[in-house]
C-alpha atoms as a PDB file:
ATOM      1  CA  MET A   1      -0.853 -19.701   5.294  1.00  0.00           C
ATOM      2  CA  PHE A   2      -0.992 -17.039   2.650  1.00  0.00           C
ATOM      3  CA  LYS A   3       1.299 -13.927   3.644  1.00  0.00           C
ATOM      4  CA  VAL A   4       0.879 -10.668   1.882  1.00  0.00           C
ATOM      5  CA  ALA A   5       3.049  -7.594   2.480  1.00  0.00           C
ATOM      6  CA  THR A   6       3.076  -4.062   1.213  1.00  0.00           C
ATOM      7  CA  TYR A   7       5.997  -1.512   1.125  1.00  0.00           C
ATOM      8  CA  ASN A   8       6.520   1.908  -0.178  1.00  0.00           C
ATOM      9  CA  ALA A   9      10.108   1.559  -1.151  1.00  0.00           C
ATOM     10  CA  ASN A  10      10.836   5.233  -2.071  1.00  0.00           C
ATOM     11  CA  SER A  11      13.053   3.872  -4.917  1.00  0.00           C
ATOM     12  CA  VAL A  12      13.235   0.130  -5.353  1.00  0.00           C
ATOM     13  CA  ARG A  13      16.885   0.273  -6.525  1.00  0.00           C
ATOM     14  CA  ALA A  14      17.946   2.398  -3.567  1.00  0.00           C
ATOM     15  CA  ARG A  15      16.193   0.073  -1.145  1.00  0.00           C
ATOM     16  CA  LEU A  16      17.036  -3.186  -2.849  1.00  0.00           C
ATOM     17  CA  PRO A  17      19.329  -4.599  -0.235  1.00  0.00           C
ATOM     18  CA  ILE A  18      16.624  -3.980   2.385  1.00  0.00           C
ATOM     19  CA  ILE A  19      13.990  -5.641   0.206  1.00  0.00           C
ATOM     20  CA  MET A  20      16.040  -8.599  -0.707  1.00  0.00           C
ATOM     21  CA  ASP A  21      17.017  -9.282   2.896  1.00  0.00           C
ATOM     22  CA  TRP A  22      13.313  -8.966   3.997  1.00  0.00           C
ATOM     23  CA  LEU A  23      12.112 -11.372   1.388  1.00  0.00           C
ATOM     24  CA  ALA A  24      14.804 -13.864   2.251  1.00  0.00           C
ATOM     25  CA  ALA A  25      13.922 -13.753   5.794  1.00  0.00           C
ATOM     26  CA  GLU A  26      10.100 -13.397   5.792  1.00  0.00           C
ATOM     27  CA  LYS A  27       9.304 -15.351   2.563  1.00  0.00           C
ATOM     28  CA  PRO A  28       5.860 -13.719   1.844  1.00  0.00           C
ATOM     29  CA  ASP A  29       3.751 -15.212  -0.792  1.00  0.00           C
ATOM     30  CA  VAL A  30       3.135 -11.775  -2.223  1.00  0.00           C
ATOM     31  CA  LEU A  31       4.946  -8.381  -1.897  1.00  0.00           C
ATOM     32  CA  CYS A  32       3.346  -5.250  -3.208  1.00  0.00           C
ATOM     33  CA  LEU A  33       5.638  -2.250  -3.772  1.00  0.00           C
ATOM     34  CA  GLN A  34       4.848   1.392  -4.367  1.00  0.00           C
ATOM     35  CA  GLU A  35       7.036   4.377  -5.394  1.00  0.00           C
ATOM     36  CA  THR A  36       9.496   2.189  -7.302  1.00  0.00           C
ATOM     37  CA  LYS A  37      10.648   5.300  -9.165  1.00  0.00           C
ATOM     38  CA  VAL A  38      12.140   3.288 -12.127  1.00  0.00           C
ATOM     39  CA  GLU A  39      11.193   2.790 -15.786  1.00  0.00           C
ATOM     40  CA  ASN A  40      10.280  -0.702 -16.715  1.00  0.00           C
ATOM     41  CA  HIS A  41      13.541  -1.503 -18.502  1.00  0.00           C
ATOM     42  CA  ASN A  42      15.493  -0.588 -15.425  1.00  0.00           C
ATOM     43  CA  PHE A  43      13.488  -2.614 -12.880  1.00  0.00           C
ATOM     44  CA  PRO A  44      15.707  -5.004 -11.032  1.00  0.00           C
ATOM     45  CA  ALA A  45      13.601  -8.069 -11.871  1.00  0.00           C
ATOM     46  CA  ALA A  46      16.531 -10.494 -11.860  1.00  0.00           C
ATOM     47  CA  ASP A  47      17.189  -9.862  -8.193  1.00  0.00           C
ATOM     48  CA  PHE A  48      13.613 -10.974  -7.321  1.00  0.00           C
ATOM     49  CA  ASN A  49      13.917 -13.909  -9.754  1.00  0.00           C
ATOM     50  CA  ASP A  50      17.073 -15.066  -7.950  1.00  0.00           C
ATOM     51  CA  LEU A  51      14.955 -15.445  -4.836  1.00  0.00           C
ATOM     52  CA  GLY A  52      12.320 -17.380  -6.555  1.00  0.00           C
ATOM     53  CA  TYR A  53       9.799 -14.494  -7.072  1.00  0.00           C
ATOM     54  CA  ARG A  54       8.052 -13.657 -10.242  1.00  0.00           C
ATOM     55  CA  VAL A  55       7.416  -9.932 -10.493  1.00  0.00           C
ATOM     56  CA  LEU A  56       5.128  -7.645 -12.567  1.00  0.00           C
ATOM     57  CA  TYR A  57       5.631  -3.919 -12.603  1.00  0.00           C
ATOM     58  CA  LYS A  58       4.594  -0.616 -14.017  1.00  0.00           C
ATOM     59  CA  GLY A  59       7.091   2.146 -13.811  1.00  0.00           C
ATOM     60  CA  GLN A  60       7.889   5.692 -14.807  1.00  0.00           C
ATOM     61  CA  LYS A  61      11.066   7.705 -14.551  1.00  0.00           C
ATOM     62  CA  SER A  62      11.829   9.166 -11.160  1.00  0.00           C
ATOM     63  CA  TYR A  63       8.135   9.140  -9.857  1.00  0.00           C
ATOM     64  CA  ASN A  64       5.503   6.794  -8.753  1.00  0.00           C
ATOM     65  CA  GLY A  65       5.778   3.149  -9.924  1.00  0.00           C
ATOM     66  CA  VAL A  66       4.106  -0.014  -8.641  1.00  0.00           C
ATOM     67  CA  ALA A  67       5.026  -3.696  -8.658  1.00  0.00           C
ATOM     68  CA  VAL A  68       3.910  -7.048  -7.281  1.00  0.00           C
ATOM     69  CA  ALA A  69       6.196  -9.991  -6.590  1.00  0.00           C
ATOM     70  CA  SER A  70       5.061 -13.513  -5.725  1.00  0.00           C
ATOM     71  CA  VAL A  71       6.403 -16.991  -5.415  1.00  0.00           C
ATOM     72  CA  HIS A  72       3.155 -18.163  -7.076  1.00  0.00           C
ATOM     73  CA  GLU A  73       1.931 -17.701 -10.651  1.00  0.00           C
ATOM     74  CA  LEU A  74       0.887 -14.064 -11.297  1.00  0.00           C
ATOM     75  CA  THR A  75      -1.989 -13.203 -13.673  1.00  0.00           C
ATOM     76  CA  GLU A  76      -2.161  -9.536 -14.462  1.00  0.00           C
ATOM     77  CA  LEU A  77      -5.631  -8.032 -14.489  1.00  0.00           C
ATOM     78  CA  SER A  78      -6.646  -5.139 -16.775  1.00  0.00           C
ATOM     79  CA  ILE A  79      -8.127  -2.276 -14.708  1.00  0.00           C
ATOM     80  CA  ASP A  80      -9.370   0.879 -16.432  1.00  0.00           C
ATOM     81  CA  ILE A  81      -8.682   4.023 -14.214  1.00  0.00           C
ATOM     82  CA  SER A  82      -8.665   6.568 -17.122  1.00  0.00           C
ATOM     83  CA  ALA A  83     -11.777   8.253 -15.714  1.00  0.00           C
ATOM     84  CA  PHE A  84      -9.816   9.795 -12.836  1.00  0.00           C
ATOM     85  CA  ALA A  85      -6.142   9.024 -13.338  1.00  0.00           C
ATOM     86  CA  ARG A  86      -3.669  11.156 -15.333  1.00  0.00           C
ATOM     87  CA  PRO A  87      -2.245   9.312 -18.427  1.00  0.00           C
ATOM     88  CA  GLY A  88       1.335   7.903 -17.900  1.00  0.00           C
ATOM     89  CA  GLU A  89       1.123   7.831 -14.091  1.00  0.00           C
ATOM     90  CA  ALA A  90       2.146   4.394 -12.756  1.00  0.00           C
ATOM     91  CA  ARG A  91      -0.038   4.201  -9.711  1.00  0.00           C
ATOM     92  CA  LEU A  92      -2.042   1.047  -9.980  1.00  0.00           C
ATOM     93  CA  ILE A  93      -1.304  -2.601 -10.793  1.00  0.00           C
ATOM     94  CA  ALA A  94      -3.744  -5.424 -10.415  1.00  0.00           C
ATOM     95  CA  VAL A  95      -3.039  -9.199 -10.321  1.00  0.00           C
ATOM     96  CA  GLN A  96      -4.616 -12.540  -9.376  1.00  0.00           C
ATOM     97  CA  VAL A  97      -2.672 -14.883  -7.092  1.00  0.00           C
ATOM     98  CA  LYS A  98      -4.130 -18.185  -6.015  1.00  0.00           C
ATOM     99  CA  GLY A  99      -7.655 -17.043  -6.678  1.00  0.00           C
ATOM    100  CA  VAL A 100      -7.189 -13.719  -4.838  1.00  0.00           C
ATOM    101  CA  ASN A 101      -7.568 -10.494  -6.729  1.00  0.00           C
ATOM    102  CA  ILE A 102      -4.945  -8.075  -5.524  1.00  0.00           C
ATOM    103  CA  ILE A 103      -5.111  -4.221  -6.257  1.00  0.00           C
ATOM    104  CA  ASN A 104      -1.944  -2.445  -5.400  1.00  0.00           C
ATOM    105  CA  THR A 105      -2.144   1.416  -5.492  1.00  0.00           C
ATOM    106  CA  TYR A 106      -0.005   4.347  -4.819  1.00  0.00           C
ATOM    107  CA  ILE A 107      -2.686   7.086  -4.066  1.00  0.00           C
ATOM    108  CA  PRO A 108      -1.602  10.637  -4.998  1.00  0.00           C
ATOM    109  CA  GLN A 109      -0.181  12.545  -2.005  1.00  0.00           C
ATOM    110  CA  GLY A 110      -2.115  15.673  -2.742  1.00  0.00           C
ATOM    111  CA  LYS A 111       0.570  18.234  -1.919  1.00  0.00           C
ATOM    112  CA  ALA A 112      -1.629  20.502   0.279  1.00  0.00           C
ATOM    113  CA  PRO A 113      -5.380  21.148   1.042  1.00  0.00           C
ATOM    114  CA  ASP A 114      -7.061  23.658  -1.173  1.00  0.00           C
ATOM    115  CA  THR A 115      -4.872  22.918  -4.118  1.00  0.00           C
ATOM    116  CA  ASP A 116      -5.645  21.259  -7.497  1.00  0.00           C
ATOM    117  CA  GLU A 117      -3.424  18.289  -6.481  1.00  0.00           C
ATOM    118  CA  PHE A 118      -5.606  17.791  -3.328  1.00  0.00           C
ATOM    119  CA  ALA A 119      -8.728  17.729  -5.451  1.00  0.00           C
ATOM    120  CA  TYR A 120      -7.031  15.191  -7.758  1.00  0.00           C
ATOM    121  CA  LYS A 121      -6.327  12.985  -4.720  1.00  0.00           C
ATOM    122  CA  LEU A 122      -9.897  13.143  -3.549  1.00  0.00           C
ATOM    123  CA  ASN A 123     -11.199  12.274  -7.059  1.00  0.00           C
ATOM    124  CA  TRP A 124      -8.713   9.420  -7.303  1.00  0.00           C
ATOM    125  CA  LEU A 125      -9.907   7.875  -4.042  1.00  0.00           C
ATOM    126  CA  ARG A 126     -13.557   8.229  -4.896  1.00  0.00           C
ATOM    127  CA  GLY A 127     -12.881   6.807  -8.329  1.00  0.00           C
ATOM    128  CA  MET A 128     -11.652   3.639  -6.847  1.00  0.00           C
ATOM    129  CA  ARG A 129     -15.095   2.790  -5.463  1.00  0.00           C
ATOM    130  CA  ASP A 130     -16.378   3.011  -9.108  1.00  0.00           C
ATOM    131  CA  VAL A 131     -13.603   0.642 -10.121  1.00  0.00           C
ATOM    132  CA  PHE A 132     -14.379  -1.897  -7.361  1.00  0.00           C
ATOM    133  CA  ALA A 133     -18.204  -1.596  -8.184  1.00  0.00           C
ATOM    134  CA  ARG A 134     -17.600  -2.158 -11.803  1.00  0.00           C
ATOM    135  CA  ASP A 135     -15.027  -4.935 -11.917  1.00  0.00           C
ATOM    136  CA  PHE A 136     -15.375  -6.819  -8.535  1.00  0.00           C
ATOM    137  CA  SER A 137     -17.928  -8.062  -5.963  1.00  0.00           C
ATOM    138  CA  PRO A 138     -17.815  -7.567  -2.151  1.00  0.00           C
ATOM    139  CA  ASP A 139     -18.536 -11.442  -2.037  1.00  0.00           C
ATOM    140  CA  ALA A 140     -15.271 -12.329  -3.868  1.00  0.00           C
ATOM    141  CA  TYR A 141     -11.704 -12.628  -2.551  1.00  0.00           C
ATOM    142  CA  LEU A 142     -10.398  -9.124  -3.110  1.00  0.00           C
ATOM    143  CA  LEU A 143      -7.492  -7.443  -1.406  1.00  0.00           C
ATOM    144  CA  TRP A 144      -6.786  -3.786  -1.803  1.00  0.00           C
ATOM    145  CA  THR A 145      -3.349  -2.519  -0.658  1.00  0.00           C
ATOM    146  CA  GLY A 146      -0.725   0.001  -0.911  1.00  0.00           C
ATOM    147  CA  ASP A 147       0.205   3.494   0.181  1.00  0.00           C
ATOM    148  CA  PHE A 148      -3.154   5.223   0.489  1.00  0.00           C
ATOM    149  CA  ASN A 149      -1.576   8.396   1.835  1.00  0.00           C
ATOM    150  CA  VAL A 150      -4.361   8.772   4.292  1.00  0.00           C
ATOM    151  CA  ALA A 151      -4.383   7.970   8.097  1.00  0.00           C
ATOM    152  CA  PRO A 152      -7.997   7.074   8.638  1.00  0.00           C
ATOM    153  CA  GLU A 153      -8.509   7.433  12.408  1.00  0.00           C
ATOM    154  CA  PRO A 154      -7.104   9.399  15.388  1.00  0.00           C
ATOM    155  CA  ILE A 155      -5.135   6.394  16.598  1.00  0.00           C
ATOM    156  CA  ASP A 156      -3.411   6.366  13.172  1.00  0.00           C
ATOM    157  CA  VAL A 157      -1.366   9.500  13.770  1.00  0.00           C
ATOM    158  CA  HIS A 158       0.943  10.622  16.542  1.00  0.00           C
ATOM    159  CA  SER A 159      -0.769  13.916  17.272  1.00  0.00           C
ATOM    160  CA  PRO A 160      -4.418  13.721  16.013  1.00  0.00           C
ATOM    161  CA  GLU A 161      -5.595  17.026  17.392  1.00  0.00           C
ATOM    162  CA  LYS A 162      -2.578  18.924  16.074  1.00  0.00           C
ATOM    163  CA  LEU A 163      -2.596  17.219  12.647  1.00  0.00           C
ATOM    164  CA  LEU A 164      -6.329  17.214  11.877  1.00  0.00           C
ATOM    165  CA  GLY A 165      -6.862  19.197   8.785  1.00  0.00           C
ATOM    166  CA  HIS A 166      -3.366  18.508   7.513  1.00  0.00           C
ATOM    167  CA  LEU A 167      -2.465  16.601   4.328  1.00  0.00           C
ATOM    168  CA  GLY A 168      -2.883  12.920   5.043  1.00  0.00           C
ATOM    169  CA  TYR A 169      -5.224  13.462   8.001  1.00  0.00           C
ATOM    170  CA  HIS A 170      -7.911  15.701   6.610  1.00  0.00           C
ATOM    171  CA  PRO A 171     -11.771  15.365   6.948  1.00  0.00           C
ATOM    172  CA  MET A 172     -12.224  15.441   3.259  1.00  0.00           C
ATOM    173  CA  GLU A 173      -9.762  12.535   2.754  1.00  0.00           C
ATOM    174  CA  HIS A 174     -11.457  10.598   5.467  1.00  0.00           C
ATOM    175  CA  GLN A 175     -14.816  11.052   3.816  1.00  0.00           C
ATOM    176  CA  ALA A 176     -13.409   9.919   0.371  1.00  0.00           C
ATOM    177  CA  LEU A 177     -11.707   6.900   1.805  1.00  0.00           C
ATOM    178  CA  GLN A 178     -14.625   5.884   3.920  1.00  0.00           C
ATOM    179  CA  TYR A 179     -16.763   6.046   0.793  1.00  0.00           C
ATOM    180  CA  VAL A 180     -14.667   3.426  -0.792  1.00  0.00           C
ATOM    181  CA  LYS A 181     -14.461   1.390   2.358  1.00  0.00           C
ATOM    182  CA  ASP A 182     -18.290   1.324   2.629  1.00  0.00           C
ATOM    183  CA  TRP A 183     -18.407  -0.592  -0.728  1.00  0.00           C
ATOM    184  CA  GLY A 184     -17.274  -3.632   1.249  1.00  0.00           C
ATOM    185  CA  PHE A 185     -13.837  -3.453   2.736  1.00  0.00           C
ATOM    186  CA  GLU A 186     -12.393  -4.222   6.098  1.00  0.00           C
ATOM    187  CA  ASP A 187      -9.103  -2.790   7.376  1.00  0.00           C
ATOM    188  CA  ILE A 188      -7.084  -6.020   8.221  1.00  0.00           C
ATOM    189  CA  PHE A 189      -4.512  -4.424  10.423  1.00  0.00           C
ATOM    190  CA  ARG A 190      -7.310  -2.991  12.709  1.00  0.00           C
ATOM    191  CA  ARG A 191      -9.019  -6.379  12.736  1.00  0.00           C
ATOM    192  CA  HIS A 192      -6.092  -7.754  14.645  1.00  0.00           C
ATOM    193  CA  VAL A 193      -4.504  -4.648  16.251  1.00  0.00           C
ATOM    194  CA  PRO A 194      -7.114  -2.377  17.716  1.00  0.00           C
ATOM    195  CA  GLU A 195      -4.779  -0.151  19.733  1.00  0.00           C
ATOM    196  CA  GLY A 196      -2.973   2.991  18.563  1.00  0.00           C
ATOM    197  CA  GLY A 197       0.737   3.767  18.321  1.00  0.00           C
ATOM    198  CA  HIS A 198       1.541   1.610  15.317  1.00  0.00           C
ATOM    199  CA  TYR A 199       2.708   3.400  12.282  1.00  0.00           C
ATOM    200  CA  THR A 200       3.954   2.678   8.777  1.00  0.00           C
ATOM    201  CA  PHE A 201       5.438   5.953   7.854  1.00  0.00           C
ATOM    202  CA  PHE A 202       7.952   8.337   9.552  1.00  0.00           C
ATOM    203  CA  ASP A 203       8.874  11.525   7.806  1.00  0.00           C
ATOM    204  CA  TYR A 204      12.536  11.993   7.134  1.00  0.00           C
ATOM    205  CA  ARG A 205      12.253  15.589   8.162  1.00  0.00           C
ATOM    206  CA  VAL A 206      11.235  14.883  11.666  1.00  0.00           C
ATOM    207  CA  PRO A 207      14.361  14.502  13.804  1.00  0.00           C
ATOM    208  CA  ASN A 208      14.486  11.022  15.422  1.00  0.00           C
ATOM    209  CA  GLY A 209      10.855  10.610  14.322  1.00  0.00           C
ATOM    210  CA  VAL A 210      11.043   6.798  14.797  1.00  0.00           C
ATOM    211  CA  LYS A 211      12.387   6.935  18.284  1.00  0.00           C
ATOM    212  CA  ARG A 212       9.883   9.569  19.200  1.00  0.00           C
ATOM    213  CA  LYS A 213       7.121   7.508  17.666  1.00  0.00           C
ATOM    214  CA  MET A 214       5.964  10.474  15.468  1.00  0.00           C
ATOM    215  CA  GLY A 215       4.481   8.292  12.803  1.00  0.00           C
ATOM    216  CA  TRP A 216       1.471   7.845  10.524  1.00  0.00           C
ATOM    217  CA  ARG A 217      -0.343   4.687   9.467  1.00  0.00           C
ATOM    218  CA  ILE A 218      -1.020   5.482   5.790  1.00  0.00           C
ATOM    219  CA  ASP A 219      -0.157   2.082   4.254  1.00  0.00           C
ATOM    220  CA  HIS A 220      -2.965  -0.396   4.321  1.00  0.00           C
ATOM    221  CA  ILE A 221      -4.210  -3.900   3.532  1.00  0.00           C
ATOM    222  CA  TRP A 222      -7.950  -3.938   3.106  1.00  0.00           C
ATOM    223  CA  THR A 223     -10.037  -6.949   2.071  1.00  0.00           C
ATOM    224  CA  THR A 224     -13.634  -7.924   1.315  1.00  0.00           C
ATOM    225  CA  GLY A 225     -15.446  -9.875   3.983  1.00  0.00           C
ATOM    226  CA  PRO A 226     -14.885 -13.421   2.762  1.00  0.00           C
ATOM    227  CA  LEU A 227     -11.198 -12.814   2.739  1.00  0.00           C
ATOM    228  CA  ALA A 228     -11.171 -10.977   5.981  1.00  0.00           C
ATOM    229  CA  ALA A 229     -12.769 -13.969   7.637  1.00  0.00           C
ATOM    230  CA  LEU A 230      -9.698 -15.958   6.665  1.00  0.00           C
ATOM    231  CA  SER A 231      -7.225 -13.492   8.122  1.00  0.00           C
ATOM    232  CA  ARG A 232      -5.106 -14.776  10.969  1.00  0.00           C
ATOM    233  CA  ALA A 233      -2.649 -11.967  11.823  1.00  0.00           C
ATOM    234  CA  ALA A 234      -1.410  -8.483  10.802  1.00  0.00           C
ATOM    235  CA  ARG A 235       1.612  -6.579  11.830  1.00  0.00           C
ATOM    236  CA  ILE A 236       3.882  -3.729  11.084  1.00  0.00           C
ATOM    237  CA  ASP A 237       7.631  -4.733  10.747  1.00  0.00           C
ATOM    238  CA  MET A 238       9.679  -1.733  12.176  1.00  0.00           C
ATOM    239  CA  ALA A 239      13.121  -3.340  11.710  1.00  0.00           C
ATOM    240  CA  PRO A 240      13.561  -2.258   8.041  1.00  0.00           C
ATOM    241  CA  ARG A 241      12.803   1.448   9.032  1.00  0.00           C
ATOM    242  CA  LEU A 242      15.775   1.285  11.483  1.00  0.00           C
ATOM    243  CA  LYS A 243      18.317   0.054   8.904  1.00  0.00           C
ATOM    244  CA  GLU A 244      20.870   2.152   7.102  1.00  0.00           C
ATOM    245  CA  LYS A 245      19.379   4.270   4.381  1.00  0.00           C
ATOM    246  CA  PRO A 246      15.795   3.089   4.854  1.00  0.00           C
ATOM    247  CA  SER A 247      12.611   4.138   3.098  1.00  0.00           C
ATOM    248  CA  ASP A 248      10.502   6.620   5.053  1.00  0.00           C
ATOM    249  CA  HIS A 249       7.904   3.684   5.154  1.00  0.00           C
ATOM    250  CA  THR A 250       8.106   0.199   6.396  1.00  0.00           C
ATOM    251  CA  PHE A 251       6.553  -3.188   5.631  1.00  0.00           C
ATOM    252  CA  LEU A 252       2.969  -4.047   6.627  1.00  0.00           C
ATOM    253  CA  VAL A 253       2.096  -7.739   6.616  1.00  0.00           C
ATOM    254  CA  ALA A 254      -1.123  -9.794   6.767  1.00  0.00           C
ATOM    255  CA  GLU A 255      -1.666 -13.547   6.896  1.00  0.00           C
ATOM    256  CA  PHE A 256      -4.622 -15.526   5.636  1.00  0.00           C
ATOM    257  CA  GLU A 257      -5.569 -19.131   5.841  1.00  0.00           C
ATOM    258  CA  LEU A 258      -6.412 -20.029   2.316  1.00  0.00           C
ATOM    259  CA  ASP A 259      -7.491 -23.500   1.141  1.00  0.00           C
END
């Protein structure tokens, strides 16, 4: 079985004990991280290596940052996103692992609708379809994962009527994300878990948000059809979100039966 996980760490160094404990217990083939918030020379690669994980990373000081760790050989892929991404922002890293192309992204948050940052987010999302169309095929093994900063459906937020139009659950975001999905992706979590009430993000600012189930499903694992056909399970692991000093996100996991 080929197990892939994604996790917005909200600082890889602050969350290192949680990440290391999770890797040791779960032993995924691949872990994709977002919001590592560390420059490359300060990335804690040795801690991953000690557990048998190779790791590739792109970072910047205090903001953004993405990484991929794997027990298998990692081949980094060169992906040009200069048409829509700001120079210096560490928001995408692409690798190939066991014949699977993995694109790990931290999509811009957008700050608020009707702002330049929101327009940037929409353009970033739409730009990803151009990337996939240029560099990949819907018939290949391709996995797109990370923090998309969008909850696609009403069942992906705790109060859909109240939240509609807010950042992260806005019709324009839905339209942009669907545009990318229509290229040839399937939401692997929804393939296996059709019901609502499952979330990957709980805002720190909401008192007892986890216990009150006031969450959002904004972290995703999407794949092309051939890889989706090999998927066997998907789940959200809530235990790390309940630990001391957690990220505001938690781990999303998918398993595939590769040859």
